[in-house]
N, C-alpha and C. Protein backbone atom coordinates (compact mmCIF):
# COMPACT_ATOMS: atom_id res chain seq x y z
N MET A 1 0.96 -1.65 -0.30
CA MET A 1 0.15 0.14 0.21
C MET A 1 0.97 1.31 -0.26
N ARG A 2 1.75 1.33 0.46
CA ARG A 2 2.89 2.61 0.77
C ARG A 2 3.32 2.85 -0.71
N SER A 3 3.59 1.97 -1.35
CA SER A 3 3.93 2.24 -2.93
C SER A 3 2.92 2.86 -3.36
N VAL A 4 1.78 2.57 -3.23
CA VAL A 4 0.71 3.03 -3.99
C VAL A 4 0.16 4.68 -3.86
N SER A 5 0.46 4.70 -2.46
CA SER A 5 0.23 6.08 -2.09
C SER A 5 1.47 6.85 -2.58
N PHE A 6 2.32 6.46 -2.19
CA PHE A 6 3.66 7.21 -2.59
C PHE A 6 3.59 7.53 -4.04
N ARG A 7 3.57 6.92 -4.85
CA ARG A 7 3.56 7.14 -5.94
C ARG A 7 2.61 8.13 -6.41
N VAL A 8 1.29 8.10 -6.20
CA VAL A 8 0.23 9.03 -6.07
C VAL A 8 0.89 10.39 -5.24
N LEU A 9 1.59 10.22 -4.89
CA LEU A 9 2.11 11.54 -4.18
C LEU A 9 2.75 12.60 -5.08
N CYS A 10 3.73 11.36 -5.29
CA CYS A 10 4.77 11.78 -6.38
C CYS A 10 4.13 12.50 -7.68
N VAL A 11 2.88 12.21 -8.02
CA VAL A 11 2.10 12.57 -9.34
C VAL A 11 1.66 13.80 -9.00
N ASP A 12 0.85 14.18 -7.80
CA ASP A 12 0.45 15.44 -7.29
C ASP A 12 1.37 16.27 -7.40
N ILE A 13 2.58 15.69 -6.86
CA ILE A 13 3.75 17.10 -6.19
C ILE A 13 4.56 17.39 -7.57
N SER A 14 4.22 16.13 -8.47
CA SER A 14 4.92 16.61 -10.38
C SER A 14 3.75 17.60 -10.78
N LYS A 15 2.63 17.42 -10.25
CA LYS A 15 1.68 18.47 -11.79
C LYS A 15 1.64 19.69 -10.80
N ARG A 16 2.24 19.59 -9.54
CA ARG A 16 1.95 20.93 -8.13
C ARG A 16 3.45 21.85 -9.55
N ARG A 17 4.60 21.18 -9.30
CA ARG A 17 5.66 21.62 -9.85
C ARG A 17 5.48 22.00 -11.26
N TYR A 18 4.44 21.02 -12.20
CA TYR A 18 4.85 21.39 -13.29
C TYR A 18 3.59 22.67 -13.50
N GLU A 19 2.91 23.21 -12.53
CA GLU A 19 2.05 24.05 -12.58
C GLU A 19 2.75 25.66 -12.32
N MET A 20 3.74 25.03 -11.18
CA MET A 20 4.44 26.45 -10.37
C MET A 20 5.29 26.92 -11.36
N ASP A 21 6.08 26.15 -12.18
CA ASP A 21 6.82 26.33 -13.01
C ASP A 21 6.27 27.40 -14.14
N HIS A 22 5.15 27.12 -14.97
CA HIS A 22 4.38 27.85 -15.77
C HIS A 22 4.25 29.36 -14.89
N LEU A 23 3.62 29.05 -13.85
CA LEU A 23 3.19 30.56 -13.13
C LEU A 23 4.62 31.22 -12.75
N GLN A 24 5.42 30.77 -12.60
CA GLN A 24 7.03 31.59 -12.00
C GLN A 24 7.14 31.90 -13.27
N ARG A 25 7.57 30.88 -14.56
CA ARG A 25 8.19 31.46 -16.03
C ARG A 25 6.99 32.93 -15.73
N ILE A 26 5.61 32.87 -16.05
CA ILE A 26 4.39 33.78 -16.77
C ILE A 26 5.11 34.95 -16.00
N THR A 27 5.36 35.06 -14.54
CA THR A 27 5.51 35.84 -13.28
C THR A 27 6.63 36.72 -14.07
N GLU A 28 7.93 35.71 -13.86
CA GLU A 28 9.08 36.59 -14.49
C GLU A 28 9.33 37.33 -15.76
N ARG A 29 8.37 36.56 -16.67
CA ARG A 29 8.14 37.19 -18.25
C ARG A 29 6.97 38.60 -18.07
N VAL A 30 6.62 38.60 -17.09
CA VAL A 30 5.58 39.91 -17.10
C VAL A 30 5.71 40.74 -16.43
N SER A 31 7.46 40.22 -15.33
CA SER A 31 7.51 40.94 -14.65
C SER A 31 9.01 42.08 -14.90
N ARG A 32 9.37 41.56 -16.17
CA ARG A 32 10.77 41.75 -16.27
C ARG A 32 11.31 43.23 -16.35
N GLN A 33 10.05 44.43 -16.98
CA GLN A 33 10.64 45.88 -16.63
C GLN A 33 9.71 46.48 -15.42
N GLY A 34 9.75 45.49 -14.58
CA GLY A 34 8.70 46.19 -13.44
C GLY A 34 7.54 45.23 -12.81
N ASP A 35 6.70 46.51 -12.06
CA ASP A 35 5.24 45.74 -11.65
C ASP A 35 4.90 45.87 -12.82
N PRO A 36 4.23 44.30 -12.89
CA PRO A 36 3.08 44.90 -14.22
C PRO A 36 1.81 45.76 -13.53
N ASP A 37 1.44 46.24 -12.79
CA ASP A 37 -0.04 46.67 -11.98
C ASP A 37 0.65 48.15 -12.07
N ASP A 38 1.83 48.65 -11.83
CA ASP A 38 2.29 49.83 -12.20
C ASP A 38 2.32 50.46 -12.95
N GLU A 39 1.18 51.33 -13.32
CA GLU A 39 0.97 52.08 -15.19
C GLU A 39 2.01 52.77 -15.50
N ASN A 40 3.32 53.10 -14.80
CA ASN A 40 4.49 53.85 -15.36
C ASN A 40 4.92 52.07 -15.93
N THR A 41 5.02 51.15 -15.80
CA THR A 41 6.05 49.83 -16.20
C THR A 41 5.42 49.65 -17.56
N PRO A 42 6.31 49.48 -18.35
CA PRO A 42 5.95 49.47 -19.67
C PRO A 42 4.82 48.18 -20.09
N ARG A 43 4.45 47.92 -20.91
CA ARG A 43 2.88 47.05 -20.95
C ARG A 43 3.67 45.84 -21.85
N PRO A 44 4.02 44.99 -20.82
CA PRO A 44 4.27 43.20 -21.58
C PRO A 44 3.84 42.84 -22.80
N LEU A 45 4.38 42.67 -23.84
CA LEU A 45 3.14 42.34 -25.04
C LEU A 45 4.23 40.52 -25.45
N LEU A 46 3.08 39.99 -24.92
CA LEU A 46 3.34 38.25 -24.79
C LEU A 46 3.07 37.69 -25.86
N SER A 47 3.85 36.36 -26.39
CA SER A 47 3.29 35.65 -27.95
C SER A 47 2.03 34.97 -27.17
N LEU A 48 1.90 34.47 -28.18
CA LEU A 48 0.28 33.91 -27.84
C LEU A 48 0.81 32.27 -26.77
N ASN A 49 2.45 31.59 -27.06
CA ASN A 49 2.40 30.67 -26.35
C ASN A 49 3.11 31.19 -25.12
N GLU A 50 3.42 32.18 -25.09
CA GLU A 50 4.07 32.85 -23.98
C GLU A 50 2.95 32.82 -22.68
N PHE A 51 1.78 33.12 -23.28
CA PHE A 51 0.34 33.73 -22.43
C PHE A 51 -0.60 32.79 -22.23
N PHE A 52 -0.07 31.57 -23.01
CA PHE A 52 -1.30 30.49 -22.84
C PHE A 52 -0.44 29.18 -22.80
N ASP A 53 0.28 29.05 -22.49
CA ASP A 53 1.36 27.61 -22.41
C ASP A 53 1.30 27.65 -20.81
N GLY A 54 0.11 26.70 -20.39
CA GLY A 54 0.24 26.17 -18.66
C GLY A 54 -1.09 27.37 -18.25
N ASN A 55 -2.31 28.33 -19.35
CA ASN A 55 -2.64 29.38 -18.81
C ASN A 55 -3.95 28.00 -18.81
N GLU A 56 -4.36 28.43 -17.37
CA GLU A 56 -5.65 27.27 -17.13
C GLU A 56 -6.62 28.04 -16.55
N CYS A 57 -6.68 29.28 -16.69
CA CYS A 57 -7.52 30.46 -15.34
C CYS A 57 -8.63 31.12 -16.36
N HIS A 58 -9.46 30.57 -16.13
CA HIS A 58 -10.97 31.24 -16.83
C HIS A 58 -11.40 32.60 -16.50
N GLY A 59 -10.99 33.58 -17.17
CA GLY A 59 -11.48 35.19 -17.33
C GLY A 59 -9.65 35.66 -17.17
N SER A 60 -8.87 34.77 -17.27
CA SER A 60 -7.63 35.67 -17.82
C SER A 60 -7.67 36.74 -18.92
N ILE A 61 -8.18 36.05 -19.92
CA ILE A 61 -8.74 36.72 -21.25
C ILE A 61 -9.96 36.66 -21.69
N GLY A 62 -10.81 37.92 -21.59
CA GLY A 62 -12.06 37.30 -22.21
C GLY A 62 -13.33 37.33 -21.18
N CYS A 63 -13.14 37.83 -20.31
CA CYS A 63 -13.70 37.73 -18.90
C CYS A 63 -15.00 37.97 -18.82
N ASN A 64 -15.57 38.91 -19.87
CA ASN A 64 -16.86 39.50 -19.85
C ASN A 64 -17.42 39.06 -20.94
N LEU A 65 -17.17 37.71 -21.84
CA LEU A 65 -17.62 37.27 -23.49
C LEU A 65 -18.93 36.63 -22.50
N PRO A 66 -19.76 36.48 -22.92
CA PRO A 66 -20.75 35.31 -22.60
C PRO A 66 -20.02 33.88 -22.39
N GLY A 67 -20.89 33.11 -21.56
CA GLY A 67 -20.43 31.79 -21.21
C GLY A 67 -18.38 31.95 -21.12
N ARG A 68 -18.21 32.94 -20.75
CA ARG A 68 -16.85 33.01 -20.27
C ARG A 68 -15.83 32.15 -20.68
N PRO A 69 -15.15 32.50 -21.71
CA PRO A 69 -14.34 31.44 -22.53
C PRO A 69 -13.14 30.75 -21.78
N SER A 70 -12.84 29.50 -22.24
CA SER A 70 -11.74 29.07 -21.72
C SER A 70 -10.73 29.78 -21.96
N PRO A 71 -9.23 29.23 -21.55
CA PRO A 71 -8.28 30.11 -22.21
C PRO A 71 -8.14 29.33 -23.50
N GLN A 72 -8.26 28.13 -23.35
CA GLN A 72 -7.98 26.80 -24.96
C GLN A 72 -8.96 27.51 -26.16
N GLU A 73 -10.04 27.58 -25.55
CA GLU A 73 -10.59 28.65 -26.86
C GLU A 73 -9.94 29.85 -27.19
N MET A 74 -9.76 30.30 -25.99
CA MET A 74 -9.63 32.23 -26.84
C MET A 74 -8.00 31.81 -27.44
N TYR A 75 -7.01 30.93 -27.68
CA TYR A 75 -5.95 30.27 -27.82
C TYR A 75 -6.25 29.82 -29.56
N GLN A 76 -6.82 28.82 -29.41
CA GLN A 76 -7.52 28.27 -31.06
C GLN A 76 -8.20 29.39 -31.98
N ALA A 77 -8.69 30.24 -31.24
CA ALA A 77 -9.63 31.78 -31.58
C ALA A 77 -7.92 32.72 -32.51
N LEU A 78 -7.45 32.74 -31.35
CA LEU A 78 -6.29 33.43 -31.72
C LEU A 78 -5.16 33.03 -32.63
N LYS A 79 -4.77 31.74 -32.36
CA LYS A 79 -3.85 31.02 -33.11
C LYS A 79 -4.78 30.80 -34.60
N ARG A 80 -6.08 31.08 -34.64
CA ARG A 80 -6.41 30.42 -36.31
C ARG A 80 -6.18 32.04 -37.09
N ILE A 81 -6.22 32.84 -35.78
CA ILE A 81 -5.59 34.19 -37.18
C ILE A 81 -4.31 35.01 -37.28
N ALA A 82 -3.62 34.19 -35.74
CA ALA A 82 -2.14 34.69 -36.26
C ALA A 82 -1.56 33.31 -37.42
N ASP A 83 -2.60 32.35 -38.04
CA ASP A 83 -1.83 31.86 -39.51
C ASP A 83 -2.12 31.90 -39.99
N ARG A 84 -3.30 32.94 -40.46
CA ARG A 84 -3.63 33.55 -41.67
C ARG A 84 -2.34 33.86 -42.46
N PRO A 85 -2.28 34.12 -43.41
CA PRO A 85 -1.11 34.82 -44.63
C PRO A 85 -1.29 36.38 -44.15
N ASP A 86 -2.19 36.89 -43.85
CA ASP A 86 -1.71 38.45 -44.13
C ASP A 86 -1.81 38.61 -42.50
N VAL A 87 -1.73 38.00 -41.84
CA VAL A 87 -1.22 38.47 -40.60
C VAL A 87 0.31 37.91 -39.89
N ALA A 88 1.33 38.91 -38.90
CA ALA A 88 2.31 38.44 -39.36
C ALA A 88 2.88 37.90 -37.46
N ASP A 89 1.76 38.48 -36.75
CA ASP A 89 2.11 38.29 -35.19
C ASP A 89 0.79 38.56 -35.03
N VAL A 90 0.67 37.95 -33.71
CA VAL A 90 -0.23 38.59 -33.01
C VAL A 90 0.53 38.48 -31.39
N ARG A 91 0.06 39.54 -30.72
CA ARG A 91 0.29 40.05 -29.21
C ARG A 91 -0.43 40.25 -28.04
N VAL A 92 -0.23 39.27 -27.04
CA VAL A 92 -0.91 39.66 -25.70
C VAL A 92 -0.35 40.39 -25.11
N GLN A 93 -1.01 42.03 -24.70
CA GLN A 93 -0.67 42.81 -23.77
C GLN A 93 -1.86 42.29 -22.45
N ILE A 94 -0.26 42.63 -21.80
CA ILE A 94 -0.87 42.02 -20.12
C ILE A 94 -1.19 43.47 -19.78
N SER A 95 -2.30 43.63 -19.23
CA SER A 95 -3.11 44.63 -18.62
C SER A 95 -2.95 44.74 -16.81
N GLN A 96 -2.90 43.40 -16.34
CA GLN A 96 -2.55 43.23 -14.45
C GLN A 96 -2.19 42.36 -14.56
N PHE A 97 -1.90 42.61 -13.29
CA PHE A 97 -1.55 40.54 -12.46
C PHE A 97 -1.91 40.68 -10.94
N ASP A 98 -3.26 41.35 -11.00
CA ASP A 98 -3.77 41.24 -9.73
C ASP A 98 -4.47 40.31 -9.31
N ASP A 99 -4.25 39.19 -9.69
CA ASP A 99 -4.93 37.90 -9.39
C ASP A 99 -3.40 37.20 -9.22
N PRO A 100 -3.69 36.30 -8.25
CA PRO A 100 -2.01 35.64 -8.13
C PRO A 100 -1.77 34.14 -9.41
N ASP A 101 -3.41 34.04 -9.44
CA ASP A 101 -2.88 32.79 -10.33
C ASP A 101 -2.87 32.65 -12.12
N TRP A 102 -2.73 34.01 -12.52
CA TRP A 102 -2.56 34.23 -13.54
C TRP A 102 -2.43 35.69 -14.28
N PRO A 103 -1.78 36.52 -14.74
CA PRO A 103 -1.77 37.75 -15.47
C PRO A 103 -3.29 37.69 -16.26
N PHE A 104 -3.84 39.22 -16.00
CA PHE A 104 -4.74 38.86 -16.85
C PHE A 104 -4.92 40.48 -17.98
N SER A 105 -5.03 40.13 -19.47
CA SER A 105 -5.24 40.81 -20.46
C SER A 105 -6.52 41.44 -20.95
N ASP A 106 -6.93 42.41 -21.44
CA ASP A 106 -8.23 42.98 -22.12
C ASP A 106 -7.66 43.32 -23.81
N GLN A 107 -6.67 43.02 -24.31
CA GLN A 107 -6.50 43.71 -25.63
C GLN A 107 -5.13 42.59 -25.98
N VAL A 108 -5.58 42.71 -27.59
CA VAL A 108 -4.25 41.93 -28.12
C VAL A 108 -4.18 42.13 -29.34
N PHE A 109 -3.07 42.42 -29.69
CA PHE A 109 -2.78 43.05 -30.90
C PHE A 109 -2.56 42.22 -32.63
N VAL A 110 -3.11 42.54 -33.43
CA VAL A 110 -2.70 41.83 -34.67
C VAL A 110 -1.79 42.51 -35.60
N PHE A 111 -1.07 42.26 -36.23
CA PHE A 111 -0.02 42.87 -36.91
C PHE A 111 -0.28 42.14 -38.13
N THR A 112 -0.66 42.95 -39.12
CA THR A 112 -1.25 42.87 -39.89
C THR A 112 -1.09 44.11 -40.83
N TRP A 113 -1.61 43.55 -42.93
CA TRP A 113 -1.95 45.11 -43.48
C TRP A 113 -3.99 45.38 -43.62
N ALA A 114 -4.61 44.33 -42.88
CA ALA A 114 -5.75 44.56 -42.76
C ALA A 114 -6.12 45.56 -42.06
N THR A 115 -7.38 46.08 -42.08
CA THR A 115 -7.77 47.55 -41.73
C THR A 115 -9.04 46.45 -40.07
N PRO A 116 -9.02 47.49 -39.11
CA PRO A 116 -9.39 47.10 -37.90
C PRO A 116 -11.30 46.59 -38.24
N GLU A 117 -11.79 46.82 -38.80
CA GLU A 117 -13.15 46.56 -39.35
C GLU A 117 -13.11 45.03 -39.98
N GLU A 118 -11.55 44.47 -40.87
CA GLU A 118 -11.45 43.20 -41.16
C GLU A 118 -11.22 42.31 -39.66
N VAL A 119 -9.80 42.75 -38.96
CA VAL A 119 -9.78 41.87 -38.31
C VAL A 119 -10.73 41.66 -37.50
N LEU A 120 -12.35 42.32 -36.73
CA LEU A 120 -12.62 41.83 -36.34
C LEU A 120 -13.52 40.88 -36.94
N THR A 121 -13.97 40.94 -38.11
CA THR A 121 -14.85 39.70 -38.97
C THR A 121 -13.70 38.26 -38.85
N TRP A 122 -12.94 37.95 -38.24
CA TRP A 122 -12.25 36.91 -38.29
C TRP A 122 -12.50 36.45 -36.97
N PHE A 123 -12.94 36.86 -35.98
CA PHE A 123 -13.44 36.12 -34.79
C PHE A 123 -14.86 35.80 -35.23
N SER A 124 -15.06 34.47 -34.36
CA SER A 124 -16.34 34.49 -34.29
C SER A 124 -17.44 35.36 -32.98
N GLU A 125 -18.50 35.18 -33.49
CA GLU A 125 -19.78 36.41 -32.94
C GLU A 125 -19.61 36.13 -31.41
N ASP A 126 -19.18 35.09 -30.62
CA ASP A 126 -18.95 34.69 -29.48
C ASP A 126 -17.77 35.23 -28.73
N LEU A 127 -16.99 35.50 -29.63
CA LEU A 127 -15.40 35.97 -29.04
C LEU A 127 -15.15 37.32 -29.44
N ARG A 128 -15.76 37.50 -30.41
CA ARG A 128 -15.37 39.20 -30.88
C ARG A 128 -15.01 40.07 -30.13
N PRO A 129 -13.87 40.53 -29.90
CA PRO A 129 -13.68 42.48 -29.17
C PRO A 129 -14.76 42.71 -29.30
N ASP A 130 -15.04 43.79 -28.18
CA ASP A 130 -15.78 44.89 -28.30
C ASP A 130 -15.46 46.25 -29.16
N GLU A 131 -13.92 46.72 -29.16
CA GLU A 131 -13.42 47.21 -30.32
C GLU A 131 -12.30 47.06 -31.04
N ALA A 132 -12.05 47.63 -31.73
CA ALA A 132 -10.91 47.16 -32.63
C ALA A 132 -10.62 48.75 -33.25
N TRP A 133 -8.95 48.77 -33.22
CA TRP A 133 -8.60 50.39 -33.62
C TRP A 133 -7.07 50.02 -34.35
N GLU A 134 -6.49 50.81 -35.46
CA GLU A 134 -5.45 50.69 -35.76
C GLU A 134 -4.35 51.64 -34.66
N GLY A 135 -3.29 50.49 -34.70
CA GLY A 135 -2.29 51.60 -33.93
C GLY A 135 -2.10 51.48 -32.05
N PHE A 136 -0.96 51.93 -31.42
CA PHE A 136 -0.65 51.37 -29.80
C PHE A 136 -1.38 52.55 -29.22
N SER A 137 -2.02 52.54 -28.20
CA SER A 137 -2.52 53.62 -27.85
C SER A 137 -1.39 54.50 -27.10
N PRO A 138 -1.13 55.91 -27.53
CA PRO A 138 -0.51 56.96 -27.21
C PRO A 138 -0.30 57.40 -25.61
N SER A 139 -1.13 57.12 -24.98
CA SER A 139 -1.09 57.43 -23.60
C SER A 139 -0.48 55.75 -22.75
N VAL A 140 0.05 54.88 -23.40
CA VAL A 140 0.28 53.54 -22.64
C VAL A 140 1.53 53.09 -23.35
N ARG A 141 2.60 52.97 -22.32
CA ARG A 141 3.83 52.03 -22.52
C ARG A 141 3.78 51.09 -22.75
N TYR A 142 4.48 50.44 -24.21
CA TYR A 142 4.89 49.35 -23.92
C TYR A 142 6.08 48.46 -24.22
N GLU A 143 6.12 47.66 -23.60
CA GLU A 143 7.60 47.46 -24.01
C GLU A 143 8.46 47.22 -25.26
N ALA A 144 9.65 46.98 -25.56
CA ALA A 144 10.24 47.33 -26.91
C ALA A 144 9.39 46.37 -27.89
N TYR A 145 9.17 46.27 -28.98
CA TYR A 145 8.75 45.68 -29.62
C TYR A 145 9.04 46.26 -31.20
N VAL A 146 9.10 45.39 -32.18
CA VAL A 146 9.78 45.60 -33.90
C VAL A 146 8.33 45.51 -34.27
N VAL A 147 7.73 46.16 -34.95
CA VAL A 147 6.61 45.83 -35.89
C VAL A 147 6.88 45.18 -36.84
N PRO A 148 5.96 43.70 -37.48
CA PRO A 148 6.86 43.30 -38.66
C PRO A 148 6.55 44.46 -39.56
N ASP A 149 7.87 44.29 -40.84
CA ASP A 149 7.47 45.47 -42.04
C ASP A 149 6.47 44.72 -43.03
N GLY A 150 5.95 45.94 -43.08
CA GLY A 150 4.78 45.97 -44.19
C GLY A 150 3.05 45.65 -43.23
N THR A 151 3.40 45.57 -41.36
CA THR A 151 2.13 45.63 -41.19
C THR A 151 1.83 47.01 -39.95
N ARG A 152 0.81 47.06 -39.19
CA ARG A 152 0.48 48.17 -38.54
C ARG A 152 -0.15 47.16 -37.22
N PRO A 153 0.39 47.57 -36.48
CA PRO A 153 -1.21 47.28 -35.10
C PRO A 153 -2.35 47.43 -34.89
N VAL A 154 -3.35 46.14 -35.43
CA VAL A 154 -5.19 46.66 -34.71
C VAL A 154 -4.67 45.84 -33.31
N ALA A 155 -5.25 46.81 -32.33
CA ALA A 155 -5.45 46.81 -31.36
C ALA A 155 -6.96 46.00 -31.28
N CYS A 156 -7.32 44.98 -30.31
CA CYS A 156 -7.93 44.12 -30.77
C CYS A 156 -9.12 44.30 -28.93
N TRP A 157 -10.01 45.17 -28.32
CA TRP A 157 -10.18 44.89 -27.08
C TRP A 157 -11.83 44.50 -26.49
N TRP A 158 -11.62 44.16 -25.48
CA TRP A 158 -12.28 43.25 -24.56
C TRP A 158 -12.97 44.06 -23.45
N ASP A 159 -13.96 44.54 -23.28
CA ASP A 159 -14.89 44.83 -22.22
C ASP A 159 -14.55 44.51 -20.94
């Protein structure tokens, strides 16, 4: 009996260690330039993999959408957009890290030559952002990012 219990305990510890590694990784990533909750800290712009790898926190993105989609549903939708031939990159802006489970985002940037109106049509109705516009917000500081040649950032924001 002891060996069975010990094995189960090891699996549980391994799973926690795995989860903690994801949380430690993203905490380090979003804190590189300071406290992400401080408005003077440049906003981190994470790749889809950086934001979604290990993310099981419902509400970390799209929290006010009907049915509160899972991180995997949001990842799949954004990955489909990122894979389009007219898209060079998609970045997740970290808005806050006030929940100890995972950072929060209410905005992504799609780097494309398409218009904001076109980008909105790439989302299914249930995941569609509330607003989209061209460019970075002038009142917000962002971490250094080189916009891919021939594209512009289209901000997609969820209330």
